[in-house]
Amino acid sequence: MKLWKVGKKKTGIANYRHFEAVIAKAKTACLNSGQRVDDHFVEVTEMVEIGSGAQRPLKTVMMSRSFS
């Protein structure tokens, strides 16, 4: 199953805060349809480089196309 990456880099920092609510609703819809949430949504933390060359963690959600 192919998973799609959704995170701050894809949606923009300001928009991602609002997008987290959309992801929560999609997880609820997944559960209500009898599907296992873990089969369609995976939360990962990636390390991204910031201006000084240092890295910081960035939360990303990967989801199946069924719920994207």
N, C-alpha and C. Protein backbone atom coordinates (compact mmCIF):
# COMPACT_ATOMS: atom_id res chain seq x y z
N MET A 1 0.84 -1.16 0.00
CA MET A 1 0.00 0.00 0.00
C MET A 1 0.89 1.24 0.00
N LYS A 2 0.58 2.16 -0.87
CA LYS A 2 1.35 3.40 -0.95
C LYS A 2 0.83 4.40 0.07
N LEU A 3 1.75 5.05 0.77
CA LEU A 3 1.39 6.08 1.75
C LEU A 3 1.84 7.44 1.24
N TRP A 4 1.03 8.45 1.50
CA TRP A 4 1.32 9.82 1.10
C TRP A 4 1.80 10.60 2.31
N LYS A 5 2.81 11.42 2.14
CA LYS A 5 3.38 12.20 3.23
C LYS A 5 2.68 13.54 3.35
N VAL A 6 2.25 13.86 4.56
CA VAL A 6 1.62 15.15 4.84
C VAL A 6 2.32 15.74 6.05
N GLY A 7 2.89 16.91 5.91
CA GLY A 7 3.60 17.54 7.04
C GLY A 7 3.73 19.02 6.82
N LYS A 8 4.44 19.67 7.71
CA LYS A 8 4.60 21.12 7.63
C LYS A 8 5.27 21.56 6.35
N LYS A 9 6.20 20.74 5.83
CA LYS A 9 6.88 21.11 4.59
C LYS A 9 5.90 21.12 3.42
N LYS A 10 4.89 20.27 3.46
CA LYS A 10 3.93 20.17 2.36
C LYS A 10 2.81 21.19 2.47
N THR A 11 2.36 21.50 3.69
CA THR A 11 1.19 22.34 3.86
C THR A 11 1.50 23.75 4.30
N GLY A 12 2.70 24.02 4.74
CA GLY A 12 3.04 25.33 5.29
C GLY A 12 2.82 25.31 6.80
N ILE A 13 3.68 25.97 7.53
CA ILE A 13 3.62 25.90 8.99
C ILE A 13 2.28 26.39 9.53
N ALA A 14 1.78 27.51 9.06
CA ALA A 14 0.52 28.06 9.58
C ALA A 14 -0.66 27.14 9.25
N ASN A 15 -0.68 26.58 8.07
CA ASN A 15 -1.78 25.73 7.66
C ASN A 15 -1.77 24.38 8.35
N TYR A 16 -0.61 23.89 8.73
CA TYR A 16 -0.52 22.53 9.29
C TYR A 16 -1.26 22.43 10.62
N ARG A 17 -1.26 23.48 11.42
CA ARG A 17 -1.98 23.46 12.69
C ARG A 17 -3.46 23.15 12.44
N HIS A 18 -4.03 23.76 11.42
CA HIS A 18 -5.43 23.52 11.08
C HIS A 18 -5.60 22.14 10.43
N PHE A 19 -4.60 21.71 9.72
CA PHE A 19 -4.68 20.43 9.03
C PHE A 19 -4.68 19.26 10.02
N GLU A 20 -4.09 19.45 11.20
CA GLU A 20 -4.10 18.39 12.21
C GLU A 20 -5.53 18.01 12.59
N ALA A 21 -6.45 18.99 12.63
CA ALA A 21 -7.86 18.71 12.93
C ALA A 21 -8.48 17.89 11.80
N VAL A 22 -8.10 18.18 10.58
CA VAL A 22 -8.61 17.42 9.42
C VAL A 22 -8.12 15.98 9.50
N ILE A 23 -6.87 15.78 9.87
CA ILE A 23 -6.32 14.43 10.01
C ILE A 23 -7.07 13.67 11.10
N ALA A 24 -7.36 14.33 12.21
CA ALA A 24 -8.12 13.70 13.30
C ALA A 24 -9.50 13.26 12.82
N LYS A 25 -10.17 14.09 12.03
CA LYS A 25 -11.49 13.74 11.49
C LYS A 25 -11.38 12.56 10.53
N ALA A 26 -10.32 12.53 9.73
CA ALA A 26 -10.13 11.42 8.79
C ALA A 26 -9.88 10.12 9.55
N LYS A 27 -9.15 10.20 10.66
CA LYS A 27 -8.92 9.00 11.49
C LYS A 27 -10.23 8.50 12.07
N THR A 28 -11.10 9.42 12.50
CA THR A 28 -12.41 9.04 13.02
C THR A 28 -13.25 8.39 11.94
N ALA A 29 -13.24 8.95 10.74
CA ALA A 29 -13.98 8.37 9.62
C ALA A 29 -13.47 6.97 9.29
N CYS A 30 -12.16 6.81 9.36
CA CYS A 30 -11.54 5.51 9.11
C CYS A 30 -12.05 4.48 10.12
N LEU A 31 -12.03 4.86 11.38
CA LEU A 31 -12.50 3.98 12.46
C LEU A 31 -13.98 3.66 12.30
N ASN A 32 -14.79 4.67 11.98
CA ASN A 32 -16.23 4.48 11.81
C ASN A 32 -16.59 3.60 10.62
N SER A 33 -15.68 3.52 9.64
CA SER A 33 -15.93 2.68 8.47
C SER A 33 -15.47 1.24 8.68
N GLY A 34 -14.98 0.96 9.90
CA GLY A 34 -14.56 -0.40 10.21
C GLY A 34 -13.12 -0.71 9.84
N GLN A 35 -12.37 0.30 9.46
CA GLN A 35 -10.97 0.11 9.09
C GLN A 35 -10.08 0.34 10.30
N ARG A 36 -8.91 -0.27 10.28
CA ARG A 36 -7.92 -0.03 11.34
C ARG A 36 -7.17 1.25 11.02
N VAL A 37 -7.16 2.18 11.95
CA VAL A 37 -6.49 3.47 11.76
C VAL A 37 -5.00 3.25 11.48
N ASP A 38 -4.39 2.31 12.18
CA ASP A 38 -2.95 2.04 11.99
C ASP A 38 -2.61 1.54 10.59
N ASP A 39 -3.60 1.01 9.88
CA ASP A 39 -3.36 0.56 8.51
C ASP A 39 -3.31 1.71 7.51
N HIS A 40 -3.86 2.85 7.89
CA HIS A 40 -3.99 3.96 6.95
C HIS A 40 -3.26 5.24 7.37
N PHE A 41 -2.85 5.35 8.63
CA PHE A 41 -2.17 6.54 9.13
C PHE A 41 -0.94 6.15 9.93
N VAL A 42 0.19 6.73 9.59
CA VAL A 42 1.43 6.47 10.31
C VAL A 42 2.05 7.83 10.65
N GLU A 43 2.31 8.05 11.94
CA GLU A 43 2.98 9.27 12.36
C GLU A 43 4.47 9.01 12.48
N VAL A 44 5.26 9.84 11.84
CA VAL A 44 6.71 9.70 11.87
C VAL A 44 7.33 11.05 12.24
N THR A 45 8.53 11.00 12.75
CA THR A 45 9.27 12.21 13.05
C THR A 45 10.53 12.21 12.19
N GLU A 46 10.65 13.21 11.36
CA GLU A 46 11.82 13.36 10.49
C GLU A 46 12.72 14.44 11.06
N MET A 47 13.99 14.30 10.84
CA MET A 47 14.94 15.35 11.21
C MET A 47 15.16 16.23 9.98
N VAL A 48 14.92 17.52 10.13
CA VAL A 48 15.10 18.45 9.02
C VAL A 48 16.18 19.47 9.37
N GLU A 49 16.87 19.91 8.36
CA GLU A 49 17.95 20.87 8.57
C GLU A 49 17.36 22.27 8.68
N ILE A 50 17.86 23.04 9.65
CA ILE A 50 17.45 24.44 9.79
C ILE A 50 18.61 25.33 9.38
N GLY A 51 18.40 26.60 9.33
CA GLY A 51 19.34 27.57 8.79
C GLY A 51 20.80 27.39 9.14
N SER A 52 21.11 27.06 10.36
CA SER A 52 22.51 27.00 10.79
C SER A 52 23.16 25.66 10.47
N GLY A 53 22.45 24.77 9.81
CA GLY A 53 22.98 23.44 9.52
C GLY A 53 22.62 22.44 10.61
N ALA A 54 22.05 22.93 11.71
CA ALA A 54 21.58 22.04 12.77
C ALA A 54 20.30 21.35 12.30
N GLN A 55 19.87 20.36 13.04
CA GLN A 55 18.64 19.65 12.69
C GLN A 55 17.65 19.74 13.84
N ARG A 56 16.38 19.65 13.48
CA ARG A 56 15.33 19.59 14.49
C ARG A 56 14.27 18.59 14.04
N PRO A 57 13.53 18.01 14.99
CA PRO A 57 12.49 17.04 14.62
C PRO A 57 11.29 17.73 13.99
N LEU A 58 10.68 17.06 13.02
CA LEU A 58 9.49 17.57 12.34
C LEU A 58 8.48 16.44 12.26
N LYS A 59 7.31 16.66 12.85
CA LYS A 59 6.24 15.66 12.85
C LYS A 59 5.61 15.59 11.46
N THR A 60 5.44 14.39 10.97
CA THR A 60 4.85 14.16 9.66
C THR A 60 3.85 13.02 9.77
N VAL A 61 2.77 13.10 9.05
CA VAL A 61 1.79 12.01 9.00
C VAL A 61 1.81 11.44 7.60
N MET A 62 1.86 10.13 7.53
CA MET A 62 1.75 9.46 6.24
C MET A 62 0.41 8.76 6.24
N MET A 63 -0.34 8.90 5.15
CA MET A 63 -1.66 8.26 5.09
C MET A 63 -1.88 7.59 3.75
N SER A 64 -2.74 6.58 3.79
CA SER A 64 -3.03 5.86 2.56
C SER A 64 -3.92 6.71 1.67
N ARG A 65 -3.96 6.37 0.43
CA ARG A 65 -4.76 7.14 -0.51
C ARG A 65 -6.25 7.02 -0.21
N SER A 66 -6.64 5.94 0.47
CA SER A 66 -8.04 5.75 0.81
C SER A 66 -8.61 6.88 1.65
N PHE A 67 -7.75 7.50 2.47
CA PHE A 67 -8.20 8.55 3.38
C PHE A 67 -7.50 9.86 3.13
N SER A 68 -6.91 10.04 1.96
CA SER A 68 -6.24 11.31 1.65
C SER A 68 -7.16 12.22 0.87
